[in-house]
Amino acid sequence: MIHVTRTLAVPHPLEKVMAYLADFAHAVDWDPGTVSCERLGEGAIGEGSRWHNVSEFRGRRTELTYRLDTYTPDRLVFSGVNKTAETSDGLTFAPGAGSTHITYRATIRFKGLATLASPFLRREFERLGDEITTTMPRAVTQALG
Protein backbone atom coordinates (compact mmCIF):
# COMPACT_ATOMS: atom_id res chain seq x y z
CA MET A 1 0.00 0.00 0.00
CA ILE A 2 1.22 3.49 -0.86
CA HIS A 3 0.32 6.65 1.08
CA VAL A 4 1.01 10.18 -0.15
CA THR A 5 0.18 13.32 1.85
CA ARG A 6 0.68 16.92 0.80
CA THR A 7 -0.48 20.24 2.28
CA LEU A 8 -1.08 23.39 0.26
CA ALA A 9 -2.98 26.66 0.40
CA VAL A 10 -5.08 28.55 -2.12
CA PRO A 11 -6.15 32.22 -1.85
CA HIS A 12 -9.89 31.51 -2.09
CA PRO A 13 -12.77 30.93 0.36
CA LEU A 14 -13.23 27.39 1.65
CA GLU A 15 -16.81 26.98 0.35
CA LYS A 16 -15.83 27.89 -3.21
CA VAL A 17 -12.72 25.70 -3.14
CA MET A 18 -14.72 22.72 -1.88
CA ALA A 19 -17.46 23.23 -4.46
CA TYR A 20 -14.87 23.22 -7.25
CA LEU A 21 -12.94 20.18 -5.98
CA ALA A 22 -16.13 18.22 -5.16
CA ASP A 23 -16.61 17.77 -8.90
CA PHE A 24 -13.99 15.12 -9.58
CA ALA A 25 -14.25 15.88 -13.31
CA HIS A 26 -11.93 18.79 -12.49
CA ALA A 27 -9.19 16.27 -11.66
CA VAL A 28 -8.22 16.59 -15.31
CA ASP A 29 -7.03 20.12 -14.40
CA TRP A 30 -5.23 19.42 -11.10
CA ASP A 31 -4.18 15.74 -11.11
CA PRO A 32 -1.05 15.34 -13.26
CA GLY A 33 -1.91 11.72 -14.11
CA THR A 34 -5.52 12.28 -15.20
CA VAL A 35 -6.12 12.24 -18.96
CA SER A 36 -9.92 12.49 -18.81
CA CYS A 37 -12.61 12.37 -16.15
CA GLU A 38 -16.33 12.37 -16.90
CA ARG A 39 -19.26 12.44 -14.51
CA LEU A 40 -21.56 9.44 -14.57
CA GLY A 41 -25.13 10.49 -13.90
CA GLU A 42 -26.77 13.84 -13.33
CA GLY A 43 -28.08 16.02 -10.56
CA ALA A 44 -26.36 17.68 -7.65
CA ILE A 45 -22.93 16.42 -6.69
CA GLY A 46 -23.00 14.63 -3.35
CA GLU A 47 -22.14 11.39 -1.64
CA GLY A 48 -22.61 8.60 -4.17
CA SER A 49 -21.76 10.70 -7.25
CA ARG A 50 -19.50 8.80 -9.65
CA TRP A 51 -16.95 9.55 -12.39
CA HIS A 52 -15.15 7.56 -15.10
CA ASN A 53 -11.46 8.46 -14.87
CA VAL A 54 -8.70 7.67 -17.35
CA SER A 55 -5.20 8.14 -16.00
CA GLU A 56 -1.78 7.63 -17.47
CA PHE A 57 0.93 6.24 -15.26
CA ARG A 58 4.40 5.39 -16.49
CA GLY A 59 3.24 5.38 -20.10
CA ARG A 60 0.22 3.12 -19.53
CA ARG A 61 -3.42 4.15 -19.39
CA THR A 62 -5.74 2.83 -16.75
CA GLU A 63 -9.43 3.38 -16.16
CA LEU A 64 -11.07 3.68 -12.76
CA THR A 65 -14.57 4.41 -11.55
CA TYR A 66 -14.46 6.99 -8.76
CA ARG A 67 -17.18 7.58 -6.19
CA LEU A 68 -17.62 10.47 -3.76
CA ASP A 69 -17.85 8.66 -0.42
CA THR A 70 -17.63 11.59 2.01
CA TYR A 71 -18.87 15.14 1.53
CA THR A 72 -18.87 17.12 4.77
CA PRO A 73 -18.27 20.86 5.34
CA ASP A 74 -14.51 20.32 5.64
CA ARG A 75 -13.77 17.00 3.92
CA LEU A 76 -14.10 15.17 0.59
CA VAL A 77 -13.14 11.53 0.08
CA PHE A 78 -13.20 9.87 -3.33
CA SER A 79 -12.59 6.16 -3.85
CA GLY A 80 -11.52 4.66 -7.15
CA VAL A 81 -11.50 1.05 -8.22
CA ASN A 82 -10.56 -1.17 -11.12
CA LYS A 83 -9.35 -4.76 -11.42
CA THR A 84 -5.76 -4.00 -10.31
CA ALA A 85 -6.08 -1.21 -7.74
CA GLU A 86 -8.20 0.56 -5.16
CA THR A 87 -7.52 4.21 -4.44
CA SER A 88 -8.65 6.80 -1.98
CA ASP A 89 -8.20 10.52 -2.53
CA GLY A 90 -9.04 12.55 0.56
CA LEU A 91 -9.13 16.32 0.81
CA THR A 92 -9.42 18.08 4.16
CA PHE A 93 -10.06 21.83 4.24
CA ALA A 94 -9.37 24.49 6.86
CA PRO A 95 -9.92 28.25 6.56
CA GLY A 96 -6.89 30.51 6.79
CA ALA A 97 -6.38 34.25 6.69
CA GLY A 98 -7.74 34.97 3.21
CA SER A 99 -7.05 31.43 2.08
CA THR A 100 -8.02 27.79 2.35
CA HIS A 101 -5.54 25.18 3.55
CA ILE A 102 -5.91 21.79 1.86
CA THR A 103 -4.45 18.52 3.03
CA TYR A 104 -4.42 15.99 0.20
CA ARG A 105 -4.07 12.30 1.08
CA ALA A 106 -3.87 9.55 -1.50
CA THR A 107 -3.80 5.85 -0.73
CA ILE A 108 -3.22 3.26 -3.43
CA ARG A 109 -3.67 -0.45 -2.76
CA PHE A 110 -2.76 -2.78 -5.57
CA LYS A 111 -4.54 -6.10 -6.04
CA GLY A 112 -3.30 -9.46 -7.26
CA LEU A 113 0.09 -9.60 -8.95
CA ALA A 114 0.19 -5.82 -9.09
CA THR A 115 0.94 -5.81 -5.33
CA LEU A 116 4.47 -6.94 -6.20
CA ALA A 117 5.09 -3.63 -7.97
CA SER A 118 4.02 -1.45 -5.05
CA PRO A 119 7.50 -0.87 -3.55
CA PHE A 120 8.89 0.09 -6.94
CA LEU A 121 6.10 2.59 -7.68
CA ARG A 122 6.20 4.53 -4.41
CA ARG A 123 8.71 7.10 -5.71
CA GLU A 124 6.57 7.83 -8.78
CA PHE A 125 3.49 8.43 -6.62
CA GLU A 126 5.53 10.73 -4.37
CA ARG A 127 6.59 12.69 -7.46
CA LEU A 128 2.94 13.02 -8.53
CA GLY A 129 2.11 14.23 -5.01
CA ASP A 130 4.80 16.89 -5.35
CA GLU A 131 3.29 18.02 -8.65
CA ILE A 132 -0.17 18.38 -7.08
CA THR A 133 1.19 21.10 -4.78
CA THR A 134 1.59 23.20 -7.94
CA THR A 135 -1.17 21.94 -10.23
CA MET A 136 -4.03 22.03 -7.71
CA PRO A 137 -3.54 25.67 -6.61
CA ARG A 138 -3.13 26.70 -10.26
CA ALA A 139 -6.35 24.91 -11.30
CA VAL A 140 -8.33 26.32 -8.35
CA THR A 141 -7.11 29.86 -9.08
CA GLN A 142 -7.89 29.56 -12.79
CA ALA A 143 -11.39 28.30 -12.03
CA LEU A 144 -12.20 30.77 -9.25
CA GLY A 145 -10.39 33.78 -10.63
C-alpha atoms as a PDB file:
ATOM      1  CA  MET A   1       0.000   0.000   0.000  1.00  0.00           C
ATOM      2  CA  ILE A   2       1.223   3.495  -0.857  1.00  0.00           C
ATOM      3  CA  HIS A   3       0.318   6.648   1.085  1.00  0.00           C
ATOM      4  CA  VAL A   4       1.009  10.177  -0.147  1.00  0.00           C
ATOM      5  CA  THR A   5       0.177  13.318   1.846  1.00  0.00           C
ATOM      6  CA  ARG A   6       0.675  16.922   0.803  1.00  0.00           C
ATOM      7  CA  THR A   7      -0.479  20.236   2.280  1.00  0.00           C
ATOM      8  CA  LEU A   8      -1.078  23.392   0.264  1.00  0.00           C
ATOM      9  CA  ALA A   9      -2.980  26.662   0.402  1.00  0.00           C
ATOM     10  CA  VAL A  10      -5.081  28.548  -2.116  1.00  0.00           C
ATOM     11  CA  PRO A  11      -6.154  32.220  -1.849  1.00  0.00           C
ATOM     12  CA  HIS A  12      -9.887  31.515  -2.087  1.00  0.00           C
ATOM     13  CA  PRO A  13     -12.773  30.931   0.356  1.00  0.00           C
ATOM     14  CA  LEU A  14     -13.227  27.387   1.646  1.00  0.00           C
ATOM     15  CA  GLU A  15     -16.806  26.978   0.354  1.00  0.00           C
ATOM     16  CA  LYS A  16     -15.828  27.891  -3.213  1.00  0.00           C
ATOM     17  CA  VAL A  17     -12.715  25.697  -3.141  1.00  0.00           C
ATOM     18  CA  MET A  18     -14.717  22.719  -1.881  1.00  0.00           C
ATOM     19  CA  ALA A  19     -17.461  23.234  -4.463  1.00  0.00           C
ATOM     20  CA  TYR A  20     -14.871  23.218  -7.249  1.00  0.00           C
ATOM     21  CA  LEU A  21     -12.945  20.184  -5.979  1.00  0.00           C
ATOM     22  CA  ALA A  22     -16.132  18.216  -5.164  1.00  0.00           C
ATOM     23  CA  ASP A  23     -16.611  17.773  -8.905  1.00  0.00           C
ATOM     24  CA  PHE A  24     -13.987  15.121  -9.577  1.00  0.00           C
ATOM     25  CA  ALA A  25     -14.250  15.880 -13.311  1.00  0.00           C
ATOM     26  CA  HIS A  26     -11.932  18.794 -12.490  1.00  0.00           C
ATOM     27  CA  ALA A  27      -9.195  16.271 -11.655  1.00  0.00           C
ATOM     28  CA  VAL A  28      -8.222  16.593 -15.306  1.00  0.00           C
ATOM     29  CA  ASP A  29      -7.031  20.117 -14.397  1.00  0.00           C
ATOM     30  CA  TRP A  30      -5.234  19.417 -11.103  1.00  0.00           C
ATOM     31  CA  ASP A  31      -4.182  15.743 -11.114  1.00  0.00           C
ATOM     32  CA  PRO A  32      -1.053  15.342 -13.265  1.00  0.00           C
ATOM     33  CA  GLY A  33      -1.912  11.718 -14.108  1.00  0.00           C
ATOM     34  CA  THR A  34      -5.522  12.281 -15.203  1.00  0.00           C
ATOM     35  CA  VAL A  35      -6.116  12.243 -18.956  1.00  0.00           C
ATOM     36  CA  SER A  36      -9.918  12.488 -18.808  1.00  0.00           C
ATOM     37  CA  CYS A  37     -12.606  12.369 -16.154  1.00  0.00           C
ATOM     38  CA  GLU A  38     -16.328  12.375 -16.899  1.00  0.00           C
ATOM     39  CA  ARG A  39     -19.258  12.441 -14.508  1.00  0.00           C
ATOM     40  CA  LEU A  40     -21.559   9.443 -14.569  1.00  0.00           C
ATOM     41  CA  GLY A  41     -25.129  10.493 -13.897  1.00  0.00           C
ATOM     42  CA  GLU A  42     -26.774  13.837 -13.327  1.00  0.00           C
ATOM     43  CA  GLY A  43     -28.084  16.022 -10.561  1.00  0.00           C
ATOM     44  CA  ALA A  44     -26.359  17.683  -7.654  1.00  0.00           C
ATOM     45  CA  ILE A  45     -22.934  16.416  -6.686  1.00  0.00           C
ATOM     46  CA  GLY A  46     -23.004  14.633  -3.354  1.00  0.00           C
ATOM     47  CA  GLU A  47     -22.137  11.388  -1.642  1.00  0.00           C
ATOM     48  CA  GLY A  48     -22.614   8.603  -4.166  1.00  0.00           C
ATOM     49  CA  SER A  49     -21.762  10.696  -7.246  1.00  0.00           C
ATOM     50  CA  ARG A  50     -19.503   8.797  -9.647  1.00  0.00           C
ATOM     51  CA  TRP A  51     -16.952   9.546 -12.385  1.00  0.00           C
ATOM     52  CA  HIS A  52     -15.154   7.564 -15.096  1.00  0.00           C
ATOM     53  CA  ASN A  53     -11.463   8.461 -14.873  1.00  0.00           C
ATOM     54  CA  VAL A  54      -8.699   7.671 -17.353  1.00  0.00           C
ATOM     55  CA  SER A  55      -5.196   8.144 -15.996  1.00  0.00           C
ATOM     56  CA  GLU A  56      -1.783   7.630 -17.472  1.00  0.00           C
ATOM     57  CA  PHE A  57       0.929   6.239 -15.261  1.00  0.00           C
ATOM     58  CA  ARG A  58       4.399   5.387 -16.490  1.00  0.00           C
ATOM     59  CA  GLY A  59       3.237   5.384 -20.096  1.00  0.00           C
ATOM     60  CA  ARG A  60       0.215   3.119 -19.533  1.00  0.00           C
ATOM     61  CA  ARG A  61      -3.418   4.149 -19.395  1.00  0.00           C
ATOM     62  CA  THR A  62      -5.739   2.834 -16.746  1.00  0.00           C
ATOM     63  CA  GLU A  63      -9.429   3.378 -16.155  1.00  0.00           C
ATOM     64  CA  LEU A  64     -11.069   3.682 -12.756  1.00  0.00           C
ATOM     65  CA  THR A  65     -14.567   4.407 -11.549  1.00  0.00           C
ATOM     66  CA  TYR A  66     -14.461   6.991  -8.763  1.00  0.00           C
ATOM     67  CA  ARG A  67     -17.179   7.583  -6.194  1.00  0.00           C
ATOM     68  CA  LEU A  68     -17.619  10.469  -3.756  1.00  0.00           C
ATOM     69  CA  ASP A  69     -17.848   8.655  -0.419  1.00  0.00           C
ATOM     70  CA  THR A  70     -17.627  11.588   2.007  1.00  0.00           C
ATOM     71  CA  TYR A  71     -18.871  15.145   1.528  1.00  0.00           C
ATOM     72  CA  THR A  72     -18.867  17.123   4.769  1.00  0.00           C
ATOM     73  CA  PRO A  73     -18.274  20.862   5.338  1.00  0.00           C
ATOM     74  CA  ASP A  74     -14.514  20.318   5.636  1.00  0.00           C
ATOM     75  CA  ARG A  75     -13.775  17.002   3.918  1.00  0.00           C
ATOM     76  CA  LEU A  76     -14.104  15.170   0.593  1.00  0.00           C
ATOM     77  CA  VAL A  77     -13.144  11.529   0.078  1.00  0.00           C
ATOM     78  CA  PHE A  78     -13.202   9.867  -3.334  1.00  0.00           C
ATOM     79  CA  SER A  79     -12.587   6.158  -3.848  1.00  0.00           C
ATOM     80  CA  GLY A  80     -11.516   4.662  -7.152  1.00  0.00           C
ATOM     81  CA  VAL A  81     -11.505   1.048  -8.219  1.00  0.00           C
ATOM     82  CA  ASN A  82     -10.561  -1.165 -11.117  1.00  0.00           C
ATOM     83  CA  LYS A  83      -9.350  -4.763 -11.420  1.00  0.00           C
ATOM     84  CA  THR A  84      -5.764  -4.000 -10.313  1.00  0.00           C
ATOM     85  CA  ALA A  85      -6.083  -1.213  -7.737  1.00  0.00           C
ATOM     86  CA  GLU A  86      -8.201   0.559  -5.161  1.00  0.00           C
ATOM     87  CA  THR A  87      -7.518   4.212  -4.442  1.00  0.00           C
ATOM     88  CA  SER A  88      -8.654   6.803  -1.977  1.00  0.00           C
ATOM     89  CA  ASP A  89      -8.197  10.523  -2.526  1.00  0.00           C
ATOM     90  CA  GLY A  90      -9.044  12.551   0.562  1.00  0.00           C
ATOM     91  CA  LEU A  91      -9.126  16.318   0.810  1.00  0.00           C
ATOM     92  CA  THR A  92      -9.417  18.080   4.158  1.00  0.00           C
ATOM     93  CA  PHE A  93     -10.061  21.827   4.237  1.00  0.00           C
ATOM     94  CA  ALA A  94      -9.367  24.495   6.863  1.00  0.00           C
ATOM     95  CA  PRO A  95      -9.919  28.247   6.560  1.00  0.00           C
ATOM     96  CA  GLY A  96      -6.885  30.509   6.789  1.00  0.00           C
ATOM     97  CA  ALA A  97      -6.382  34.248   6.690  1.00  0.00           C
ATOM     98  CA  GLY A  98      -7.735  34.975   3.211  1.00  0.00           C
ATOM     99  CA  SER A  99      -7.046  31.425   2.080  1.00  0.00           C
ATOM    100  CA  THR A 100      -8.018  27.790   2.352  1.00  0.00           C
ATOM    101  CA  HIS A 101      -5.542  25.177   3.546  1.00  0.00           C
ATOM    102  CA  ILE A 102      -5.910  21.788   1.863  1.00  0.00           C
ATOM    103  CA  THR A 103      -4.450  18.519   3.035  1.00  0.00           C
ATOM    104  CA  TYR A 104      -4.422  15.985   0.201  1.00  0.00           C
ATOM    105  CA  ARG A 105      -4.075  12.299   1.080  1.00  0.00           C
ATOM    106  CA  ALA A 106      -3.866   9.550  -1.503  1.00  0.00           C
ATOM    107  CA  THR A 107      -3.800   5.852  -0.727  1.00  0.00           C
ATOM    108  CA  ILE A 108      -3.218   3.259  -3.432  1.00  0.00           C
ATOM    109  CA  ARG A 109      -3.669  -0.447  -2.761  1.00  0.00           C
ATOM    110  CA  PHE A 110      -2.757  -2.778  -5.569  1.00  0.00           C
ATOM    111  CA  LYS A 111      -4.543  -6.099  -6.040  1.00  0.00           C
ATOM    112  CA  GLY A 112      -3.301  -9.459  -7.260  1.00  0.00           C
ATOM    113  CA  LEU A 113       0.086  -9.604  -8.953  1.00  0.00           C
ATOM    114  CA  ALA A 114       0.193  -5.817  -9.094  1.00  0.00           C
ATOM    115  CA  THR A 115       0.943  -5.808  -5.330  1.00  0.00           C
ATOM    116  CA  LEU A 116       4.470  -6.939  -6.200  1.00  0.00           C
ATOM    117  CA  ALA A 117       5.088  -3.634  -7.975  1.00  0.00           C
ATOM    118  CA  SER A 118       4.015  -1.452  -5.047  1.00  0.00           C
ATOM    119  CA  PRO A 119       7.500  -0.874  -3.547  1.00  0.00           C
ATOM    120  CA  PHE A 120       8.887   0.092  -6.942  1.00  0.00           C
ATOM    121  CA  LEU A 121       6.103   2.587  -7.679  1.00  0.00           C
ATOM    122  CA  ARG A 122       6.202   4.534  -4.405  1.00  0.00           C
ATOM    123  CA  ARG A 123       8.714   7.098  -5.710  1.00  0.00           C
ATOM    124  CA  GLU A 124       6.570   7.829  -8.782  1.00  0.00           C
ATOM    125  CA  PHE A 125       3.486   8.434  -6.622  1.00  0.00           C
ATOM    126  CA  GLU A 126       5.534  10.728  -4.367  1.00  0.00           C
ATOM    127  CA  ARG A 127       6.586  12.688  -7.460  1.00  0.00           C
ATOM    128  CA  LEU A 128       2.940  13.024  -8.531  1.00  0.00           C
ATOM    129  CA  GLY A 129       2.105  14.235  -5.011  1.00  0.00           C
ATOM    130  CA  ASP A 130       4.800  16.887  -5.347  1.00  0.00           C
ATOM    131  CA  GLU A 131       3.288  18.019  -8.651  1.00  0.00           C
ATOM    132  CA  ILE A 132      -0.166  18.384  -7.083  1.00  0.00           C
ATOM    133  CA  THR A 133       1.189  21.100  -4.777  1.00  0.00           C
ATOM    134  CA  THR A 134       1.593  23.198  -7.937  1.00  0.00           C
ATOM    135  CA  THR A 135      -1.169  21.936 -10.232  1.00  0.00           C
ATOM    136  CA  MET A 136      -4.027  22.027  -7.707  1.00  0.00           C
ATOM    137  CA  PRO A 137      -3.544  25.666  -6.609  1.00  0.00           C
ATOM    138  CA  ARG A 138      -3.134  26.696 -10.255  1.00  0.00           C
ATOM    139  CA  ALA A 139      -6.353  24.907 -11.296  1.00  0.00           C
ATOM    140  CA  VAL A 140      -8.334  26.318  -8.354  1.00  0.00           C
ATOM    141  CA  THR A 141      -7.111  29.855  -9.081  1.00  0.00           C
ATOM    142  CA  GLN A 142      -7.888  29.555 -12.795  1.00  0.00           C
ATOM    143  CA  ALA A 143     -11.390  28.296 -12.026  1.00  0.00           C
ATOM    144  CA  LEU A 144     -12.201  30.768  -9.251  1.00  0.00           C
ATOM    145  CA  GLY A 145     -10.387  33.780 -10.633  1.00  0.00           C
END
